[in-house]
Amino acid sequence: MMDLFTPNVLIACAAGAFAIGYLTINQMKLRMMMLIGSTFYIAYYATAAADPLYGGIFTTMAMMLTNLIGMAALTLRRFRISLPAAHTDIYPMFSMLSPGDFRLVMKHADRAILDADQTVTTEGDAVKRLYFILSGSAEVRKRGAQFDLPDGVFVGEVAYLLQRSSVATTTISAGAEVLRWDVDDMRQNIARNPRFKLAIDAMLSHDLARKVGEAVAPQMEPQVA
């Protein structure tokens, strides 16, 4: 068996494991292949020379420990233990996110109860904050029409996504509980953290899909034969 795993075979197996890992998109699978590859590297360092190459062995072991810590963090993100204690009550509204991603999103959110009616978007003006209505309602005025928004929806998401001015004026009623994100801060965090961008995109996509699914088409005029 030892004749089979010669130093050349060990280094080839290590390189192969790393190569497969680099071709893998899933982070957990990638890290697992790195762990397997590191094990082959340690075996190589232990047998390639007359005396074990302890520098390479200890360095690789340190990298393996770092990798294991990363794998543990990835695993914890999937469990409710990762939920921020102050916001566990609203997590069901964002169940499209993993607990870890929800924690990341809430880290940059401000949760508040409005003590007065507040106009949060103005037709023709840039959107400075993105809002989510946890409870309460909002009034929307758009091109002369007026309608109410229920809770459980975002306000200002279209203008934010398209990076244009708002097409409606939205006033959230006093007593409503909201989440709000500063748009400039969001864009800075998106530039630094791709995971934050994926989490925000998942929330907004879910919200838009829900709005489209619940929208009612205007009644068609009967056609004259």
C-alpha atoms as a PDB file:
ATOM      1  CA  MET A   1       0.000   0.000   0.000  1.00  0.00           C
ATOM      2  CA  MET A   2       2.838   2.393   0.865  1.00  0.00           C
ATOM      3  CA  ASP A   3       4.399   1.665  -2.533  1.00  0.00           C
ATOM      4  CA  LEU A   4       1.183   2.848  -4.134  1.00  0.00           C
ATOM      5  CA  PHE A   5       1.154   6.228  -2.354  1.00  0.00           C
ATOM      6  CA  THR A   6       4.571   7.472  -3.411  1.00  0.00           C
ATOM      7  CA  PRO A   7       5.414  11.172  -2.937  1.00  0.00           C
ATOM      8  CA  ASN A   8       4.610  11.826  -6.609  1.00  0.00           C
ATOM      9  CA  VAL A   9       1.208  10.175  -6.253  1.00  0.00           C
ATOM     10  CA  LEU A  10       0.476  12.079  -3.036  1.00  0.00           C
ATOM     11  CA  ILE A  11       1.311  15.464  -4.566  1.00  0.00           C
ATOM     12  CA  ALA A  12      -0.772  14.598  -7.631  1.00  0.00           C
ATOM     13  CA  CYS A  13      -3.751  13.645  -5.431  1.00  0.00           C
ATOM     14  CA  ALA A  14      -3.388  16.877  -3.447  1.00  0.00           C
ATOM     15  CA  ALA A  15      -3.276  18.985  -6.606  1.00  0.00           C
ATOM     16  CA  GLY A  16      -6.257  17.091  -8.038  1.00  0.00           C
ATOM     17  CA  ALA A  17      -8.350  17.678  -4.909  1.00  0.00           C
ATOM     18  CA  PHE A  18      -7.546  21.391  -4.975  1.00  0.00           C
ATOM     19  CA  ALA A  19      -8.331  21.608  -8.686  1.00  0.00           C
ATOM     20  CA  ILE A  20     -11.739  19.976  -8.169  1.00  0.00           C
ATOM     21  CA  GLY A  21     -12.393  22.364  -5.285  1.00  0.00           C
ATOM     22  CA  TYR A  22     -11.585  25.408  -7.409  1.00  0.00           C
ATOM     23  CA  LEU A  23     -14.098  24.185 -10.015  1.00  0.00           C
ATOM     24  CA  THR A  24     -16.820  23.794  -7.381  1.00  0.00           C
ATOM     25  CA  ILE A  25     -19.281  26.651  -6.778  1.00  0.00           C
ATOM     26  CA  ASN A  26     -20.728  25.314  -3.526  1.00  0.00           C
ATOM     27  CA  GLN A  27     -18.626  26.685  -0.663  1.00  0.00           C
ATOM     28  CA  MET A  28     -18.999  23.674   1.599  1.00  0.00           C
ATOM     29  CA  LYS A  29     -17.950  21.248  -1.140  1.00  0.00           C
ATOM     30  CA  LEU A  30     -15.042  23.513  -2.078  1.00  0.00           C
ATOM     31  CA  ARG A  31     -13.813  23.600   1.519  1.00  0.00           C
ATOM     32  CA  MET A  32     -14.194  19.830   1.811  1.00  0.00           C
ATOM     33  CA  MET A  33     -11.960  19.312  -1.231  1.00  0.00           C
ATOM     34  CA  MET A  34      -9.427  21.744   0.259  1.00  0.00           C
ATOM     35  CA  LEU A  35      -9.451  19.641   3.429  1.00  0.00           C
ATOM     36  CA  ILE A  36      -8.845  16.430   1.453  1.00  0.00           C
ATOM     37  CA  GLY A  37      -6.103  18.076  -0.575  1.00  0.00           C
ATOM     38  CA  SER A  38      -4.410  19.381   2.586  1.00  0.00           C
ATOM     39  CA  THR A  39      -4.399  15.873   4.024  1.00  0.00           C
ATOM     40  CA  PHE A  40      -2.508  14.626   0.955  1.00  0.00           C
ATOM     41  CA  TYR A  41      -0.076  17.528   1.276  1.00  0.00           C
ATOM     42  CA  ILE A  42       0.671  16.591   4.889  1.00  0.00           C
ATOM     43  CA  ALA A  43       1.266  12.985   3.837  1.00  0.00           C
ATOM     44  CA  TYR A  44       3.614  14.266   1.104  1.00  0.00           C
ATOM     45  CA  TYR A  45       5.578  16.482   3.506  1.00  0.00           C
ATOM     46  CA  ALA A  46       5.919  13.525   5.885  1.00  0.00           C
ATOM     47  CA  THR A  47       7.325  11.111   3.273  1.00  0.00           C
ATOM     48  CA  ALA A  48       8.970  13.151   0.498  1.00  0.00           C
ATOM     49  CA  ALA A  49      12.302  13.474   2.275  1.00  0.00           C
ATOM     50  CA  ALA A  50      14.350  11.398   4.687  1.00  0.00           C
ATOM     51  CA  ASP A  51      13.132  13.635   7.524  1.00  0.00           C
ATOM     52  CA  PRO A  52       9.567  14.991   7.662  1.00  0.00           C
ATOM     53  CA  LEU A  53       9.196  18.564   6.437  1.00  0.00           C
ATOM     54  CA  TYR A  54       7.741  19.884   9.683  1.00  0.00           C
ATOM     55  CA  GLY A  55       7.451  23.455   8.435  1.00  0.00           C
ATOM     56  CA  GLY A  56       5.151  22.390   5.618  1.00  0.00           C
ATOM     57  CA  ILE A  57       3.239  20.003   7.897  1.00  0.00           C
ATOM     58  CA  PHE A  58       2.520  22.581  10.607  1.00  0.00           C
ATOM     59  CA  THR A  59       1.661  25.288   8.082  1.00  0.00           C
ATOM     60  CA  THR A  60      -0.786  23.006   6.304  1.00  0.00           C
ATOM     61  CA  MET A  61      -2.306  21.930   9.604  1.00  0.00           C
ATOM     62  CA  ALA A  62      -2.865  25.586  10.504  1.00  0.00           C
ATOM     63  CA  MET A  63      -4.579  26.136   7.149  1.00  0.00           C
ATOM     64  CA  MET A  64      -6.745  23.065   7.772  1.00  0.00           C
ATOM     65  CA  LEU A  65      -7.785  24.451  11.174  1.00  0.00           C
ATOM     66  CA  THR A  66      -8.726  27.763   9.553  1.00  0.00           C
ATOM     67  CA  ASN A  67     -10.716  25.881   6.931  1.00  0.00           C
ATOM     68  CA  LEU A  68     -12.546  23.890   9.622  1.00  0.00           C
ATOM     69  CA  ILE A  69     -13.491  27.108  11.408  1.00  0.00           C
ATOM     70  CA  GLY A  70     -14.881  28.452   8.146  1.00  0.00           C
ATOM     71  CA  MET A  71     -16.859  25.246   7.592  1.00  0.00           C
ATOM     72  CA  ALA A  72     -18.296  25.511  11.104  1.00  0.00           C
ATOM     73  CA  ALA A  73     -19.348  29.114  10.441  1.00  0.00           C
ATOM     74  CA  LEU A  74     -21.044  28.091   7.196  1.00  0.00           C
ATOM     75  CA  THR A  75     -22.897  25.310   9.002  1.00  0.00           C
ATOM     76  CA  LEU A  76     -24.067  27.589  11.823  1.00  0.00           C
ATOM     77  CA  ARG A  77     -25.492  30.055   9.290  1.00  0.00           C
ATOM     78  CA  ARG A  78     -28.088  27.441   8.368  1.00  0.00           C
ATOM     79  CA  PHE A  79     -29.505  27.051  11.881  1.00  0.00           C
ATOM     80  CA  ARG A  80     -31.829  29.325  13.851  1.00  0.00           C
ATOM     81  CA  ILE A  81     -29.150  29.793  16.485  1.00  0.00           C
ATOM     82  CA  SER A  82     -27.676  32.368  14.086  1.00  0.00           C
ATOM     83  CA  LEU A  83     -30.798  34.549  14.269  1.00  0.00           C
ATOM     84  CA  PRO A  84     -30.345  37.922  16.004  1.00  0.00           C
ATOM     85  CA  ALA A  85     -32.245  37.716  19.299  1.00  0.00           C
ATOM     86  CA  ALA A  86     -33.895  41.122  18.835  1.00  0.00           C
ATOM     87  CA  HIS A  87     -35.454  40.132  15.512  1.00  0.00           C
ATOM     88  CA  THR A  88     -36.400  36.456  15.798  1.00  0.00           C
ATOM     89  CA  ASP A  89     -40.075  37.475  15.842  1.00  0.00           C
ATOM     90  CA  ILE A  90     -39.957  38.784  12.263  1.00  0.00           C
ATOM     91  CA  TYR A  91     -37.800  36.060  10.713  1.00  0.00           C
ATOM     92  CA  PRO A  92     -40.860  34.190   9.317  1.00  0.00           C
ATOM     93  CA  MET A  93     -41.429  37.202   7.037  1.00  0.00           C
ATOM     94  CA  PHE A  94     -37.940  36.668   5.581  1.00  0.00           C
ATOM     95  CA  SER A  95     -37.803  32.884   5.552  1.00  0.00           C
ATOM     96  CA  MET A  96     -36.409  32.980   2.007  1.00  0.00           C
ATOM     97  CA  LEU A  97     -33.077  33.832   3.696  1.00  0.00           C
ATOM     98  CA  SER A  98     -30.900  31.525   5.742  1.00  0.00           C
ATOM     99  CA  PRO A  99     -30.620  32.591   9.408  1.00  0.00           C
ATOM    100  CA  GLY A 100     -27.051  33.747   8.790  1.00  0.00           C
ATOM    101  CA  ASP A 101     -28.026  35.896   5.811  1.00  0.00           C
ATOM    102  CA  PHE A 102     -30.953  37.328   7.786  1.00  0.00           C
ATOM    103  CA  ARG A 103     -28.530  38.324  10.538  1.00  0.00           C
ATOM    104  CA  LEU A 104     -26.309  40.025   7.948  1.00  0.00           C
ATOM    105  CA  VAL A 105     -29.231  41.978   6.470  1.00  0.00           C
ATOM    106  CA  MET A 106     -30.552  43.041   9.880  1.00  0.00           C
ATOM    107  CA  LYS A 107     -27.104  44.202  10.930  1.00  0.00           C
ATOM    108  CA  HIS A 108     -27.539  47.137   8.551  1.00  0.00           C
ATOM    109  CA  ALA A 109     -31.256  47.768   9.168  1.00  0.00           C
ATOM    110  CA  ASP A 110     -32.961  50.193  11.516  1.00  0.00           C
ATOM    111  CA  ARG A 111     -36.187  48.947  13.137  1.00  0.00           C
ATOM    112  CA  ALA A 112     -38.601  51.626  14.349  1.00  0.00           C
ATOM    113  CA  ILE A 113     -42.222  52.492  15.126  1.00  0.00           C
ATOM    114  CA  LEU A 114     -43.305  55.738  13.470  1.00  0.00           C
ATOM    115  CA  ASP A 115     -44.810  58.295  15.832  1.00  0.00           C
ATOM    116  CA  ALA A 116     -46.285  60.354  12.983  1.00  0.00           C
ATOM    117  CA  ASP A 117     -47.255  59.932   9.333  1.00  0.00           C
ATOM    118  CA  GLN A 118     -44.067  59.891   7.299  1.00  0.00           C
ATOM    119  CA  THR A 119     -43.624  60.469   3.576  1.00  0.00           C
ATOM    120  CA  VAL A 120     -40.870  58.031   2.617  1.00  0.00           C
ATOM    121  CA  THR A 121     -40.852  58.408  -1.175  1.00  0.00           C
ATOM    122  CA  THR A 122     -41.729  61.452  -3.263  1.00  0.00           C
ATOM    123  CA  GLU A 123     -42.613  61.260  -6.949  1.00  0.00           C
ATOM    124  CA  GLY A 124     -39.682  62.510  -9.004  1.00  0.00           C
ATOM    125  CA  ASP A 125     -37.174  62.430  -6.123  1.00  0.00           C
ATOM    126  CA  ALA A 126     -34.370  59.957  -5.508  1.00  0.00           C
ATOM    127  CA  VAL A 127     -35.007  57.240  -2.918  1.00  0.00           C
ATOM    128  CA  LYS A 128     -32.685  57.674   0.055  1.00  0.00           C
ATOM    129  CA  ARG A 129     -34.036  54.844   2.203  1.00  0.00           C
ATOM    130  CA  LEU A 130     -35.560  51.468   1.470  1.00  0.00           C
ATOM    131  CA  TYR A 131     -38.477  50.575   3.755  1.00  0.00           C
ATOM    132  CA  PHE A 132     -40.224  47.359   4.723  1.00  0.00           C
ATOM    133  CA  ILE A 133     -43.568  47.642   6.498  1.00  0.00           C
ATOM    134  CA  LEU A 134     -43.694  45.130   9.346  1.00  0.00           C
ATOM    135  CA  SER A 135     -47.113  46.269  10.550  1.00  0.00           C
ATOM    136  CA  GLY A 136     -49.416  49.129   9.677  1.00  0.00           C
ATOM    137  CA  SER A 137     -50.251  50.548   6.266  1.00  0.00           C
ATOM    138  CA  ALA A 138     -49.182  53.142   3.735  1.00  0.00           C
ATOM    139  CA  GLU A 139     -50.912  55.405   1.236  1.00  0.00           C
ATOM    140  CA  VAL A 140     -49.565  55.660  -2.303  1.00  0.00           C
ATOM    141  CA  ARG A 141     -50.295  58.473  -4.758  1.00  0.00           C
ATOM    142  CA  LYS A 142     -49.222  57.780  -8.329  1.00  0.00           C
ATOM    143  CA  ARG A 143     -50.203  59.719 -11.458  1.00  0.00           C
ATOM    144  CA  GLY A 144     -53.379  61.003  -9.898  1.00  0.00           C
ATOM    145  CA  ALA A 145     -54.418  57.607  -8.533  1.00  0.00           C
ATOM    146  CA  GLN A 146     -54.414  56.715  -4.851  1.00  0.00           C
ATOM    147  CA  PHE A 147     -54.327  53.314  -3.148  1.00  0.00           C
ATOM    148  CA  ASP A 148     -53.227  51.677   0.099  1.00  0.00           C
ATOM    149  CA  LEU A 149     -50.335  49.314   0.706  1.00  0.00           C
ATOM    150  CA  PRO A 150     -50.682  46.526   3.278  1.00  0.00           C
ATOM    151  CA  ASP A 151     -47.983  45.432   5.655  1.00  0.00           C
ATOM    152  CA  GLY A 152     -45.349  42.883   4.692  1.00  0.00           C
ATOM    153  CA  VAL A 153     -44.110  44.758   1.612  1.00  0.00           C
ATOM    154  CA  PHE A 154     -41.159  46.894   0.584  1.00  0.00           C
ATOM    155  CA  VAL A 155     -41.471  50.562  -0.314  1.00  0.00           C
ATOM    156  CA  GLY A 156     -39.073  52.149  -2.804  1.00  0.00           C
ATOM    157  CA  GLU A 157     -37.621  48.882  -4.101  1.00  0.00           C
ATOM    158  CA  VAL A 158     -38.262  49.583  -7.805  1.00  0.00           C
ATOM    159  CA  ALA A 159     -36.537  52.973  -7.717  1.00  0.00           C
ATOM    160  CA  TYR A 160     -33.682  51.400  -5.772  1.00  0.00           C
ATOM    161  CA  LEU A 161     -33.220  48.485  -8.179  1.00  0.00           C
ATOM    162  CA  LEU A 162     -33.450  50.654 -11.310  1.00  0.00           C
ATOM    163  CA  GLN A 163     -31.407  53.468  -9.731  1.00  0.00           C
ATOM    164  CA  ARG A 164     -33.904  56.114 -10.751  1.00  0.00           C
ATOM    165  CA  SER A 165     -36.236  58.583  -9.052  1.00  0.00           C
ATOM    166  CA  SER A 166     -39.439  57.387  -7.442  1.00  0.00           C
ATOM    167  CA  VAL A 167     -42.577  57.222  -9.595  1.00  0.00           C
ATOM    168  CA  ALA A 168     -44.921  57.558  -6.614  1.00  0.00           C
ATOM    169  CA  THR A 169     -45.367  59.406  -3.333  1.00  0.00           C
ATOM    170  CA  THR A 170     -45.721  57.028  -0.388  1.00  0.00           C
ATOM    171  CA  THR A 171     -46.771  57.981   3.127  1.00  0.00           C
ATOM    172  CA  ILE A 172     -46.552  55.408   5.897  1.00  0.00           C
ATOM    173  CA  SER A 173     -49.141  55.857   8.637  1.00  0.00           C
ATOM    174  CA  ALA A 174     -48.311  56.740  12.239  1.00  0.00           C
ATOM    175  CA  GLY A 175     -47.945  53.702  14.465  1.00  0.00           C
ATOM    176  CA  ALA A 176     -46.556  51.529  11.691  1.00  0.00           C
ATOM    177  CA  GLU A 177     -43.505  49.436  12.492  1.00  0.00           C
ATOM    178  CA  VAL A 178     -40.876  49.483   9.768  1.00  0.00           C
ATOM    179  CA  LEU A 179     -37.430  48.330   8.809  1.00  0.00           C
ATOM    180  CA  ARG A 180     -35.321  50.833   6.904  1.00  0.00           C
ATOM    181  CA  TRP A 181     -31.997  50.679   5.159  1.00  0.00           C
ATOM    182  CA  ASP A 182     -29.944  53.662   4.027  1.00  0.00           C
ATOM    183  CA  VAL A 183     -29.509  53.264   0.259  1.00  0.00           C
ATOM    184  CA  ASP A 184     -25.958  54.671   0.143  1.00  0.00           C
ATOM    185  CA  ASP A 185     -24.904  52.376   2.998  1.00  0.00           C
ATOM    186  CA  MET A 186     -26.510  49.408   1.224  1.00  0.00           C
ATOM    187  CA  ARG A 187     -24.597  50.057  -1.973  1.00  0.00           C
ATOM    188  CA  GLN A 188     -21.318  50.366  -0.085  1.00  0.00           C
ATOM    189  CA  ASN A 189     -21.954  47.066   1.685  1.00  0.00           C
ATOM    190  CA  ILE A 190     -22.942  45.399  -1.595  1.00  0.00           C
ATOM    191  CA  ALA A 191     -19.634  46.494  -3.129  1.00  0.00           C
ATOM    192  CA  ARG A 192     -17.736  44.982  -0.191  1.00  0.00           C
ATOM    193  CA  ASN A 193     -19.782  41.845   0.458  1.00  0.00           C
ATOM    194  CA  PRO A 194     -21.314  39.785  -2.377  1.00  0.00           C
ATOM    195  CA  ARG A 195     -23.258  37.717   0.186  1.00  0.00           C
ATOM    196  CA  PHE A 196     -25.048  40.871   1.363  1.00  0.00           C
ATOM    197  CA  LYS A 197     -26.030  41.601  -2.256  1.00  0.00           C
ATOM    198  CA  LEU A 198     -27.400  38.084  -2.727  1.00  0.00           C
ATOM    199  CA  ALA A 199     -29.455  38.377   0.460  1.00  0.00           C
ATOM    200  CA  ILE A 200     -30.916  41.770  -0.523  1.00  0.00           C
ATOM    201  CA  ASP A 201     -31.667  40.534  -4.050  1.00  0.00           C
ATOM    202  CA  ALA A 202     -33.443  37.462  -2.644  1.00  0.00           C
ATOM    203  CA  MET A 203     -35.669  39.617  -0.423  1.00  0.00           C
ATOM    204  CA  LEU A 204     -36.547  42.077  -3.162  1.00  0.00           C
ATOM    205  CA  SER A 205     -37.171  39.353  -5.750  1.00  0.00           C
ATOM    206  CA  HIS A 206     -39.537  37.595  -3.355  1.00  0.00           C
ATOM    207  CA  ASP A 207     -41.347  40.870  -2.670  1.00  0.00           C
ATOM    208  CA  LEU A 208     -41.730  41.733  -6.363  1.00  0.00           C
ATOM    209  CA  ALA A 209     -42.926  38.220  -7.199  1.00  0.00           C
ATOM    210  CA  ARG A 210     -45.516  38.439  -4.432  1.00  0.00           C
ATOM    211  CA  LYS A 211     -46.757  41.822  -5.639  1.00  0.00           C
ATOM    212  CA  VAL A 212     -47.047  40.590  -9.217  1.00  0.00           C
ATOM    213  CA  GLY A 213     -48.820  37.426  -8.093  1.00  0.00           C
ATOM    214  CA  GLU A 214     -51.358  39.374  -6.026  1.00  0.00           C
ATOM    215  CA  ALA A 215     -51.924  42.123  -8.593  1.00  0.00           C
ATOM    216  CA  VAL A 216     -55.321  42.278 -10.259  1.00  0.00           C
ATOM    217  CA  ALA A 217     -55.431  43.007 -13.976  1.00  0.00           C
ATOM    218  CA  PRO A 218     -57.723  45.872 -15.053  1.00  0.00           C
ATOM    219  CA  GLN A 219     -61.100  44.728 -16.334  1.00  0.00           C
ATOM    220  CA  MET A 220     -61.123  44.373 -20.102  1.00  0.00           C
ATOM    221  CA  GLU A 221     -63.704  46.305 -22.091  1.00  0.00           C
ATOM    222  CA  PRO A 222     -66.119  43.973 -23.886  1.00  0.00           C
ATOM    223  CA  GLN A 223     -65.326  43.654 -27.561  1.00  0.00           C
ATOM    224  CA  VAL A 224     -67.966  44.576 -30.104  1.00  0.00           C
ATOM    225  CA  ALA A 225     -68.509  41.930 -32.712  1.00  0.00           C
END
